[in-house]
Amino acid sequence: MNFDEFTGQIQHRLELPDTGRAVRAIRATLMTLGQRIPEGNAEDLAASLPLEIKWYMTGAVQEHGQRFDWQEFVERVSDIESVAPAEAAYHARIVIDLVETVVPPSDFQQLRDQLPEGESEENWRKLFEVVDGGGWSDAHEAQTGGGPQPDPESESTAELTEHDQSPETDE
């Protein structure tokens, strides 16, 4: 996946009007995540991301391995992205869901291992709600009114095939 595909996916999933806002959501999420996890883990996770996206987790971060909880993460993302905290939290979940589809499972598990998910701890489980819910899907897009539109040509073919194979007719 290249930079344009990655940012395009985020823009589409978040239903943002322009690429600039998608880039801000990605940058805010990944820079803040890069601040939270150790430098080596950030480099491992970012290795499979497009070069420009990778930089947000590695080159743009002055200090890796900082200790802060989910709430502080959301506040930092909100400040960088210049959006409300609830919107920043949602954007972060969507960005992390796309990251999960791009990076090797072992690197994503390494990320999860760095972020405590227990109720009484820092409760990073909220960051992974979309991933744990099965990830972004066409079904979710359909519920939100977005999503891919059917190709009229293939839809006609599918209807013909179904009709031809159907034992009952409405004639």
C-alpha atoms as a PDB file:
ATOM      1  CA  MET A   1       0.000   0.000   0.000  1.00  0.00           C
ATOM      2  CA  ASN A   2       1.411   3.401  -0.929  1.00  0.00           C
ATOM      3  CA  PHE A   3       0.881   6.827   0.644  1.00  0.00           C
ATOM      4  CA  ASP A   4      -2.023   7.809  -1.612  1.00  0.00           C
ATOM      5  CA  GLU A   5      -3.834   4.510  -1.030  1.00  0.00           C
ATOM      6  CA  PHE A   6      -3.325   4.722   2.739  1.00  0.00           C
ATOM      7  CA  THR A   7      -4.509   8.324   3.015  1.00  0.00           C
ATOM      8  CA  GLY A   8      -7.347   7.620   0.578  1.00  0.00           C
ATOM      9  CA  GLN A   9      -8.559   4.723   2.718  1.00  0.00           C
ATOM     10  CA  ILE A  10      -8.530   6.903   5.831  1.00  0.00           C
ATOM     11  CA  GLN A  11     -10.274   9.767   4.035  1.00  0.00           C
ATOM     12  CA  HIS A  12     -12.951   7.350   2.797  1.00  0.00           C
ATOM     13  CA  ARG A  13     -13.454   5.559   6.123  1.00  0.00           C
ATOM     14  CA  LEU A  14     -13.660   8.800   8.094  1.00  0.00           C
ATOM     15  CA  GLU A  15     -15.757  10.463   5.380  1.00  0.00           C
ATOM     16  CA  LEU A  16     -13.448  13.479   5.363  1.00  0.00           C
ATOM     17  CA  PRO A  17     -13.864  16.120   2.654  1.00  0.00           C
ATOM     18  CA  ASP A  18     -10.172  16.331   1.740  1.00  0.00           C
ATOM     19  CA  THR A  19      -6.842  14.517   1.931  1.00  0.00           C
ATOM     20  CA  GLY A  20      -5.342  17.163   4.231  1.00  0.00           C
ATOM     21  CA  ARG A  21      -7.693  16.234   7.042  1.00  0.00           C
ATOM     22  CA  ALA A  22      -6.962  12.541   6.532  1.00  0.00           C
ATOM     23  CA  VAL A  23      -3.228  13.227   6.742  1.00  0.00           C
ATOM     24  CA  ARG A  24      -3.748  15.215   9.959  1.00  0.00           C
ATOM     25  CA  ALA A  25      -5.669  12.311  11.517  1.00  0.00           C
ATOM     26  CA  ILE A  26      -2.944   9.846  10.500  1.00  0.00           C
ATOM     27  CA  ARG A  27      -0.107  12.118  11.643  1.00  0.00           C
ATOM     28  CA  ALA A  28      -1.742  12.925  14.993  1.00  0.00           C
ATOM     29  CA  THR A  29      -2.467   9.269  15.758  1.00  0.00           C
ATOM     30  CA  LEU A  30       0.858   7.805  14.692  1.00  0.00           C
ATOM     31  CA  MET A  31       3.053  10.562  16.155  1.00  0.00           C
ATOM     32  CA  THR A  32       1.317  10.215  19.504  1.00  0.00           C
ATOM     33  CA  LEU A  33       1.526   6.436  19.351  1.00  0.00           C
ATOM     34  CA  GLY A  34       5.229   6.752  18.467  1.00  0.00           C
ATOM     35  CA  GLN A  35       5.710   8.880  21.591  1.00  0.00           C
ATOM     36  CA  ARG A  36       4.074   6.202  23.751  1.00  0.00           C
ATOM     37  CA  ILE A  37       5.891   3.043  22.618  1.00  0.00           C
ATOM     38  CA  PRO A  38       9.647   2.325  22.674  1.00  0.00           C
ATOM     39  CA  GLU A  39      11.613   3.451  19.618  1.00  0.00           C
ATOM     40  CA  GLY A  40      12.404  -0.100  18.455  1.00  0.00           C
ATOM     41  CA  ASN A  41       8.742  -1.071  18.592  1.00  0.00           C
ATOM     42  CA  ALA A  42       7.776   2.063  16.673  1.00  0.00           C
ATOM     43  CA  GLU A  43      10.337   1.221  13.987  1.00  0.00           C
ATOM     44  CA  ASP A  44       9.105  -2.392  13.752  1.00  0.00           C
ATOM     45  CA  LEU A  45       5.469  -1.329  13.460  1.00  0.00           C
ATOM     46  CA  ALA A  46       6.217   1.452  10.970  1.00  0.00           C
ATOM     47  CA  ALA A  47       8.466  -0.693   8.739  1.00  0.00           C
ATOM     48  CA  SER A  48       5.521  -1.973   6.670  1.00  0.00           C
ATOM     49  CA  LEU A  49       3.836   1.405   6.331  1.00  0.00           C
ATOM     50  CA  PRO A  50       4.379   3.771   3.391  1.00  0.00           C
ATOM     51  CA  LEU A  51       7.579   5.805   3.842  1.00  0.00           C
ATOM     52  CA  GLU A  52       5.774   9.105   4.435  1.00  0.00           C
ATOM     53  CA  ILE A  53       3.473   7.468   6.996  1.00  0.00           C
ATOM     54  CA  LYS A  54       6.370   5.635   8.661  1.00  0.00           C
ATOM     55  CA  TRP A  55       8.055   8.964   9.348  1.00  0.00           C
ATOM     56  CA  TYR A  56       5.202  10.056  11.628  1.00  0.00           C
ATOM     57  CA  MET A  57       6.007   7.213  14.048  1.00  0.00           C
ATOM     58  CA  THR A  58       9.769   7.459  13.842  1.00  0.00           C
ATOM     59  CA  GLY A  59      11.370  10.637  12.453  1.00  0.00           C
ATOM     60  CA  ALA A  60       8.737  13.064  13.725  1.00  0.00           C
ATOM     61  CA  VAL A  61       8.953  11.786  17.311  1.00  0.00           C
ATOM     62  CA  GLN A  62      11.471  13.454  19.622  1.00  0.00           C
ATOM     63  CA  GLU A  63      11.004  11.140  22.630  1.00  0.00           C
ATOM     64  CA  HIS A  64       9.750   7.550  22.461  1.00  0.00           C
ATOM     65  CA  GLY A  65       8.616   5.416  25.390  1.00  0.00           C
ATOM     66  CA  GLN A  66       6.708   8.087  27.307  1.00  0.00           C
ATOM     67  CA  ARG A  67       4.201   6.823  29.879  1.00  0.00           C
ATOM     68  CA  PHE A  68       0.686   8.105  29.429  1.00  0.00           C
ATOM     69  CA  ASP A  69      -2.753   6.544  29.430  1.00  0.00           C
ATOM     70  CA  TRP A  70      -5.538   6.345  26.843  1.00  0.00           C
ATOM     71  CA  GLN A  71      -7.086   9.625  28.011  1.00  0.00           C
ATOM     72  CA  GLU A  72      -3.803  11.506  27.584  1.00  0.00           C
ATOM     73  CA  PHE A  73      -3.346   9.844  24.181  1.00  0.00           C
ATOM     74  CA  VAL A  74      -6.751  11.132  23.058  1.00  0.00           C
ATOM     75  CA  GLU A  75      -5.978  14.635  24.354  1.00  0.00           C
ATOM     76  CA  ARG A  76      -2.672  14.727  22.490  1.00  0.00           C
ATOM     77  CA  VAL A  77      -4.234  13.454  19.261  1.00  0.00           C
ATOM     78  CA  SER A  78      -7.029  15.996  19.665  1.00  0.00           C
ATOM     79  CA  ASP A  79      -4.535  18.852  20.114  1.00  0.00           C
ATOM     80  CA  ILE A  80      -2.404  17.856  17.120  1.00  0.00           C
ATOM     81  CA  GLU A  81      -5.391  17.203  14.865  1.00  0.00           C
ATOM     82  CA  SER A  82      -7.365  20.233  16.116  1.00  0.00           C
ATOM     83  CA  VAL A  83     -10.585  18.283  16.619  1.00  0.00           C
ATOM     84  CA  ALA A  84     -12.757  17.431  19.626  1.00  0.00           C
ATOM     85  CA  PRO A  85     -11.500  14.560  21.823  1.00  0.00           C
ATOM     86  CA  ALA A  86     -14.372  12.218  20.859  1.00  0.00           C
ATOM     87  CA  GLU A  87     -13.618  12.764  17.174  1.00  0.00           C
ATOM     88  CA  ALA A  88      -9.879  12.272  17.777  1.00  0.00           C
ATOM     89  CA  ALA A  89     -10.567   8.972  19.575  1.00  0.00           C
ATOM     90  CA  TYR A  90     -12.693   7.727  16.673  1.00  0.00           C
ATOM     91  CA  HIS A  91     -10.099   8.795  14.117  1.00  0.00           C
ATOM     92  CA  ALA A  92      -7.360   7.007  16.071  1.00  0.00           C
ATOM     93  CA  ARG A  93      -9.399   3.779  16.151  1.00  0.00           C
ATOM     94  CA  ILE A  94      -9.905   3.900  12.381  1.00  0.00           C
ATOM     95  CA  VAL A  95      -6.232   4.662  11.695  1.00  0.00           C
ATOM     96  CA  ILE A  96      -5.144   1.780  13.953  1.00  0.00           C
ATOM     97  CA  ASP A  97      -7.584  -0.559  12.211  1.00  0.00           C
ATOM     98  CA  LEU A  98      -6.007   0.240   8.833  1.00  0.00           C
ATOM     99  CA  VAL A  99      -2.505  -0.135  10.299  1.00  0.00           C
ATOM    100  CA  GLU A 100      -3.526  -3.586  11.561  1.00  0.00           C
ATOM    101  CA  THR A 101      -4.347  -4.665   7.989  1.00  0.00           C
ATOM    102  CA  VAL A 102      -0.984  -3.467   6.629  1.00  0.00           C
ATOM    103  CA  VAL A 103       1.572  -4.639   9.212  1.00  0.00           C
ATOM    104  CA  PRO A 104       2.569  -8.224  10.053  1.00  0.00           C
ATOM    105  CA  PRO A 105       0.457  -9.776  12.841  1.00  0.00           C
ATOM    106  CA  SER A 106       3.531 -10.192  15.064  1.00  0.00           C
ATOM    107  CA  ASP A 107       4.312  -6.460  14.883  1.00  0.00           C
ATOM    108  CA  PHE A 108       0.713  -5.550  15.666  1.00  0.00           C
ATOM    109  CA  GLN A 109       0.700  -7.949  18.616  1.00  0.00           C
ATOM    110  CA  GLN A 110       3.924  -6.336  19.818  1.00  0.00           C
ATOM    111  CA  LEU A 111       2.079  -2.994  19.797  1.00  0.00           C
ATOM    112  CA  ARG A 112      -0.787  -4.432  21.815  1.00  0.00           C
ATOM    113  CA  ASP A 113       1.659  -5.932  24.297  1.00  0.00           C
ATOM    114  CA  GLN A 114       3.091  -2.437  24.914  1.00  0.00           C
ATOM    115  CA  LEU A 115      -0.293  -0.939  25.776  1.00  0.00           C
ATOM    116  CA  PRO A 116      -2.100  -2.289  28.870  1.00  0.00           C
ATOM    117  CA  GLU A 117      -5.722  -3.166  28.144  1.00  0.00           C
ATOM    118  CA  GLY A 118      -6.982  -3.968  31.642  1.00  0.00           C
ATOM    119  CA  GLU A 119      -9.908  -2.075  33.141  1.00  0.00           C
ATOM    120  CA  SER A 120      -7.929  -0.785  36.120  1.00  0.00           C
ATOM    121  CA  GLU A 121      -4.807   0.020  34.148  1.00  0.00           C
ATOM    122  CA  GLU A 122      -4.351   2.534  31.360  1.00  0.00           C
ATOM    123  CA  ASN A 123      -7.218   0.945  29.397  1.00  0.00           C
ATOM    124  CA  TRP A 124      -5.764   1.054  25.904  1.00  0.00           C
ATOM    125  CA  ARG A 125      -8.407  -1.501  24.865  1.00  0.00           C
ATOM    126  CA  LYS A 126     -10.464   1.420  23.544  1.00  0.00           C
ATOM    127  CA  LEU A 127      -7.836   2.044  20.858  1.00  0.00           C
ATOM    128  CA  PHE A 128      -8.466  -1.442  19.464  1.00  0.00           C
ATOM    129  CA  GLU A 129     -12.287  -1.429  19.529  1.00  0.00           C
ATOM    130  CA  VAL A 130     -12.655  -1.383  15.735  1.00  0.00           C
ATOM    131  CA  VAL A 131      -9.984  -4.064  15.279  1.00  0.00           C
ATOM    132  CA  ASP A 132     -11.549  -6.250  17.988  1.00  0.00           C
ATOM    133  CA  GLY A 133     -14.998  -5.700  16.488  1.00  0.00           C
ATOM    134  CA  GLY A 134     -13.879  -7.351  13.253  1.00  0.00           C
ATOM    135  CA  GLY A 135     -12.345  -4.312  11.587  1.00  0.00           C
ATOM    136  CA  TRP A 136     -13.737  -1.957   8.985  1.00  0.00           C
ATOM    137  CA  SER A 137     -15.986  -3.739   6.522  1.00  0.00           C
ATOM    138  CA  ASP A 138     -18.358  -3.177   3.657  1.00  0.00           C
ATOM    139  CA  ALA A 139     -21.204  -3.923   6.087  1.00  0.00           C
ATOM    140  CA  HIS A 140     -20.113  -1.039   8.321  1.00  0.00           C
ATOM    141  CA  GLU A 141     -19.883   1.241   5.311  1.00  0.00           C
ATOM    142  CA  ALA A 142     -23.396   0.264   4.249  1.00  0.00           C
ATOM    143  CA  GLN A 143     -24.711   1.155   7.714  1.00  0.00           C
ATOM    144  CA  THR A 144     -23.111   4.589   7.528  1.00  0.00           C
ATOM    145  CA  GLY A 145     -24.344   5.267   4.009  1.00  0.00           C
ATOM    146  CA  GLY A 146     -20.892   5.007   2.453  1.00  0.00           C
ATOM    147  CA  GLY A 147     -19.180   2.113   0.846  1.00  0.00           C
ATOM    148  CA  PRO A 148     -18.593   0.812  -2.585  1.00  0.00           C
ATOM    149  CA  GLN A 149     -21.398   1.067  -5.060  1.00  0.00           C
ATOM    150  CA  PRO A 150     -22.258  -2.098  -6.981  1.00  0.00           C
ATOM    151  CA  ASP A 151     -21.048  -2.332 -10.545  1.00  0.00           C
ATOM    152  CA  PRO A 152     -24.253  -2.258 -12.636  1.00  0.00           C
ATOM    153  CA  GLU A 153     -22.790  -4.692 -15.174  1.00  0.00           C
ATOM    154  CA  SER A 154     -21.796  -7.334 -12.612  1.00  0.00           C
ATOM    155  CA  GLU A 155     -25.046  -6.764 -10.694  1.00  0.00           C
ATOM    156  CA  SER A 156     -27.085  -7.502 -13.832  1.00  0.00           C
ATOM    157  CA  THR A 157     -25.068 -10.659 -14.422  1.00  0.00           C
ATOM    158  CA  ALA A 158     -25.591 -11.748 -10.795  1.00  0.00           C
ATOM    159  CA  GLU A 159     -29.345 -11.162 -11.065  1.00  0.00           C
ATOM    160  CA  LEU A 160     -29.531 -13.170 -14.287  1.00  0.00           C
ATOM    161  CA  THR A 161     -27.565 -16.010 -12.777  1.00  0.00           C
ATOM    162  CA  GLU A 162     -29.784 -16.067  -9.673  1.00  0.00           C
ATOM    163  CA  HIS A 163     -32.954 -15.918 -11.772  1.00  0.00           C
ATOM    164  CA  ASP A 164     -31.763 -18.671 -14.106  1.00  0.00           C
ATOM    165  CA  GLN A 165     -30.988 -20.967 -11.169  1.00  0.00           C
ATOM    166  CA  SER A 166     -34.152 -20.215  -9.207  1.00  0.00           C
ATOM    167  CA  PRO A 167     -36.716 -23.057  -9.292  1.00  0.00           C
ATOM    168  CA  GLU A 168     -39.599 -20.681  -8.542  1.00  0.00           C
ATOM    169  CA  THR A 169     -40.846 -17.879 -10.733  1.00  0.00           C
ATOM    170  CA  ASP A 170     -43.291 -15.093 -10.090  1.00  0.00           C
ATOM    171  CA  GLU A 171     -45.041 -15.432 -13.457  1.00  0.00           C
END
